[in-house]
C-alpha atoms as a PDB file:
ATOM      1  CA  MET A   1     -42.512 -23.932 -32.159  1.00  0.00           C
ATOM      2  CA  ALA A   2     -40.225 -21.004 -32.938  1.00  0.00           C
ATOM      3  CA  PHE A   3     -37.729 -19.696 -30.435  1.00  0.00           C
ATOM      4  CA  GLU A   4     -38.084 -15.982 -29.813  1.00  0.00           C
ATOM      5  CA  LEU A   5     -35.268 -13.888 -28.468  1.00  0.00           C
ATOM      6  CA  PRO A   6     -36.240 -11.555 -25.673  1.00  0.00           C
ATOM      7  CA  ASN A   7     -36.546  -7.931 -26.640  1.00  0.00           C
ATOM      8  CA  PRO A   8     -35.715  -5.995 -23.473  1.00  0.00           C
ATOM      9  CA  SER A   9     -36.774  -2.395 -23.206  1.00  0.00           C
ATOM     10  CA  PRO A  10     -34.151   0.316 -22.666  1.00  0.00           C
ATOM     11  CA  SER A  11     -35.206   0.580 -19.014  1.00  0.00           C
ATOM     12  CA  ASP A  12     -34.733  -3.194 -18.605  1.00  0.00           C
ATOM     13  CA  LEU A  13     -31.195  -2.882 -19.991  1.00  0.00           C
ATOM     14  CA  ILE A  14     -30.382   0.022 -17.691  1.00  0.00           C
ATOM     15  CA  GLU A  15     -31.669  -1.922 -14.698  1.00  0.00           C
ATOM     16  CA  HIS A  16     -29.654  -4.995 -15.708  1.00  0.00           C
ATOM     17  CA  ASN A  17     -26.468  -2.930 -16.130  1.00  0.00           C
ATOM     18  CA  THR A  18     -27.024  -1.119 -12.842  1.00  0.00           C
ATOM     19  CA  ASN A  19     -27.527  -4.409 -10.993  1.00  0.00           C
ATOM     20  CA  ALA A  20     -24.402  -5.896 -12.591  1.00  0.00           C
ATOM     21  CA  LEU A  21     -22.432  -2.798 -11.621  1.00  0.00           C
ATOM     22  CA  ARG A  22     -23.624  -3.013  -8.010  1.00  0.00           C
ATOM     23  CA  GLN A  23     -22.669  -6.698  -7.855  1.00  0.00           C
ATOM     24  CA  LEU A  24     -19.144  -5.938  -9.083  1.00  0.00           C
ATOM     25  CA  ARG A  25     -18.826  -3.004  -6.701  1.00  0.00           C
ATOM     26  CA  ASP A  26     -20.035  -5.140  -3.793  1.00  0.00           C
ATOM     27  CA  PHE A  27     -17.506  -7.842  -4.707  1.00  0.00           C
ATOM     28  CA  HIS A  28     -14.671  -5.305  -4.518  1.00  0.00           C
ATOM     29  CA  LEU A  29     -15.981  -3.913  -1.228  1.00  0.00           C
ATOM     30  CA  THR A  30     -16.269  -7.365   0.318  1.00  0.00           C
ATOM     31  CA  ALA A  31     -12.727  -8.223  -0.781  1.00  0.00           C
ATOM     32  CA  CYS A  32     -11.360  -5.381   1.334  1.00  0.00           C
ATOM     33  CA  ASP A  33     -13.683  -5.532   4.354  1.00  0.00           C
ATOM     34  CA  TRP A  34     -10.746  -6.844   6.374  1.00  0.00           C
ATOM     35  CA  THR A  35      -8.996  -3.480   6.072  1.00  0.00           C
ATOM     36  CA  GLN A  36     -11.522  -1.786   8.334  1.00  0.00           C
ATOM     37  CA  VAL A  37     -11.640  -4.201  11.248  1.00  0.00           C
ATOM     38  CA  PRO A  38     -10.059  -2.831  14.421  1.00  0.00           C
ATOM     39  CA  ASP A  39      -7.604  -5.713  14.818  1.00  0.00           C
ATOM     40  CA  SER A  40      -6.134  -5.597  11.291  1.00  0.00           C
ATOM     41  CA  ALA A  41      -2.385  -5.141  11.106  1.00  0.00           C
ATOM     42  CA  LEU A  42      -2.730  -1.955   9.037  1.00  0.00           C
ATOM     43  CA  SER A  43      -1.431   1.377  10.270  1.00  0.00           C
ATOM     44  CA  ASP A  44      -3.918   4.204  10.778  1.00  0.00           C
ATOM     45  CA  GLU A  45      -2.576   5.807   7.586  1.00  0.00           C
ATOM     46  CA  ASP A  46      -3.073   2.624   5.548  1.00  0.00           C
ATOM     47  CA  ARG A  47      -6.534   2.068   7.008  1.00  0.00           C
ATOM     48  CA  ALA A  48      -7.445   5.646   6.022  1.00  0.00           C
ATOM     49  CA  ALA A  49      -6.210   5.037   2.457  1.00  0.00           C
ATOM     50  CA  TRP A  50      -8.407   1.945   2.245  1.00  0.00           C
ATOM     51  CA  ARG A  51     -11.330   3.951   3.625  1.00  0.00           C
ATOM     52  CA  VAL A  52     -10.918   6.451   0.759  1.00  0.00           C
ATOM     53  CA  TYR A  53     -10.749   3.574  -1.756  1.00  0.00           C
ATOM     54  CA  ARG A  54     -13.898   2.007  -0.318  1.00  0.00           C
ATOM     55  CA  GLN A  55     -15.753   5.315  -0.520  1.00  0.00           C
ATOM     56  CA  ALA A  56     -14.710   5.645  -4.166  1.00  0.00           C
ATOM     57  CA  LEU A  57     -16.192   2.191  -4.759  1.00  0.00           C
ATOM     58  CA  ARG A  58     -19.450   3.210  -3.094  1.00  0.00           C
ATOM     59  CA  ASP A  59     -19.600   6.350  -5.236  1.00  0.00           C
ATOM     60  CA  ILE A  60     -19.263   4.445  -8.525  1.00  0.00           C
ATOM     61  CA  THR A  61     -23.015   4.041  -8.893  1.00  0.00           C
ATOM     62  CA  LYS A  62     -23.407   7.831  -8.682  1.00  0.00           C
ATOM     63  CA  PHE A  63     -21.282   8.339 -11.790  1.00  0.00           C
ATOM     64  CA  TYR A  64     -21.655   5.168 -13.866  1.00  0.00           C
ATOM     65  CA  SER A  65     -24.568   2.974 -14.894  1.00  0.00           C
ATOM     66  CA  SER A  66     -22.776   0.208 -16.789  1.00  0.00           C
ATOM     67  CA  PRO A  67     -19.844  -1.991 -15.732  1.00  0.00           C
ATOM     68  CA  SER A  68     -18.218  -1.520 -19.137  1.00  0.00           C
ATOM     69  CA  ASP A  69     -17.951   2.247 -18.601  1.00  0.00           C
ATOM     70  CA  VAL A  70     -16.431   2.234 -15.117  1.00  0.00           C
ATOM     71  CA  VAL A  71     -12.985   3.517 -14.385  1.00  0.00           C
ATOM     72  CA  TRP A  72     -12.289   1.552 -11.220  1.00  0.00           C
ATOM     73  CA  PRO A  73     -10.353   3.297  -8.454  1.00  0.00           C
ATOM     74  CA  LEU A  74      -6.801   2.182  -7.861  1.00  0.00           C
ATOM     75  CA  LEU A  75      -6.067   0.071  -4.834  1.00  0.00           C
ATOM     76  CA  PRO A  76      -4.137   1.919  -2.135  1.00  0.00           C
ATOM     77  CA  GLY A  77      -0.468   1.858  -3.092  1.00  0.00           C
ATOM     78  CA  GLU A  78      -1.111   1.234  -6.804  1.00  0.00           C
ATOM     79  CA  GLU A  79       0.143   3.817  -9.255  1.00  0.00           C
ATOM     80  CA  GLU A  80      -1.556   2.331 -12.285  1.00  0.00           C
ATOM     81  CA  PRO A  81      -4.118  -0.396 -12.871  1.00  0.00           C
ATOM     82  CA  PRO A  82      -2.841  -3.947 -13.264  1.00  0.00           C
ATOM     83  CA  ALA A  83      -2.169  -4.988 -16.840  1.00  0.00           C
ATOM     84  CA  PHE A  84      -4.829  -7.133 -18.459  1.00  0.00           C
ATOM     85  CA  GLU A  85      -3.543 -10.498 -19.511  1.00  0.00           C
ATOM     86  CA  PRO A  86      -5.941 -12.460 -21.726  1.00  0.00           C
ATOM     87  CA  GLY A  87      -6.676 -15.945 -20.477  1.00  0.00           C
ATOM     88  CA  THR A  88      -5.982 -15.214 -16.799  1.00  0.00           C
END
């Protein structure tokens, strides 16, 4: 019996990439849910900055269809993205 590799159609690949992108986006949104609860220690200004960040995350699927193409928004207070360190 020969093993056959799947041959996904272009639409299957787009759907897979879109689902992966949504999962990553949802992970980032969940990680900062705490910023929007009324009893967080954030100032109104900081909470507003996080609200803008969260909206940018939600908008990612309007502009990108693959996780490898995304330019992720900066966290509030960041001036540049964190450096990538292989193996971490």
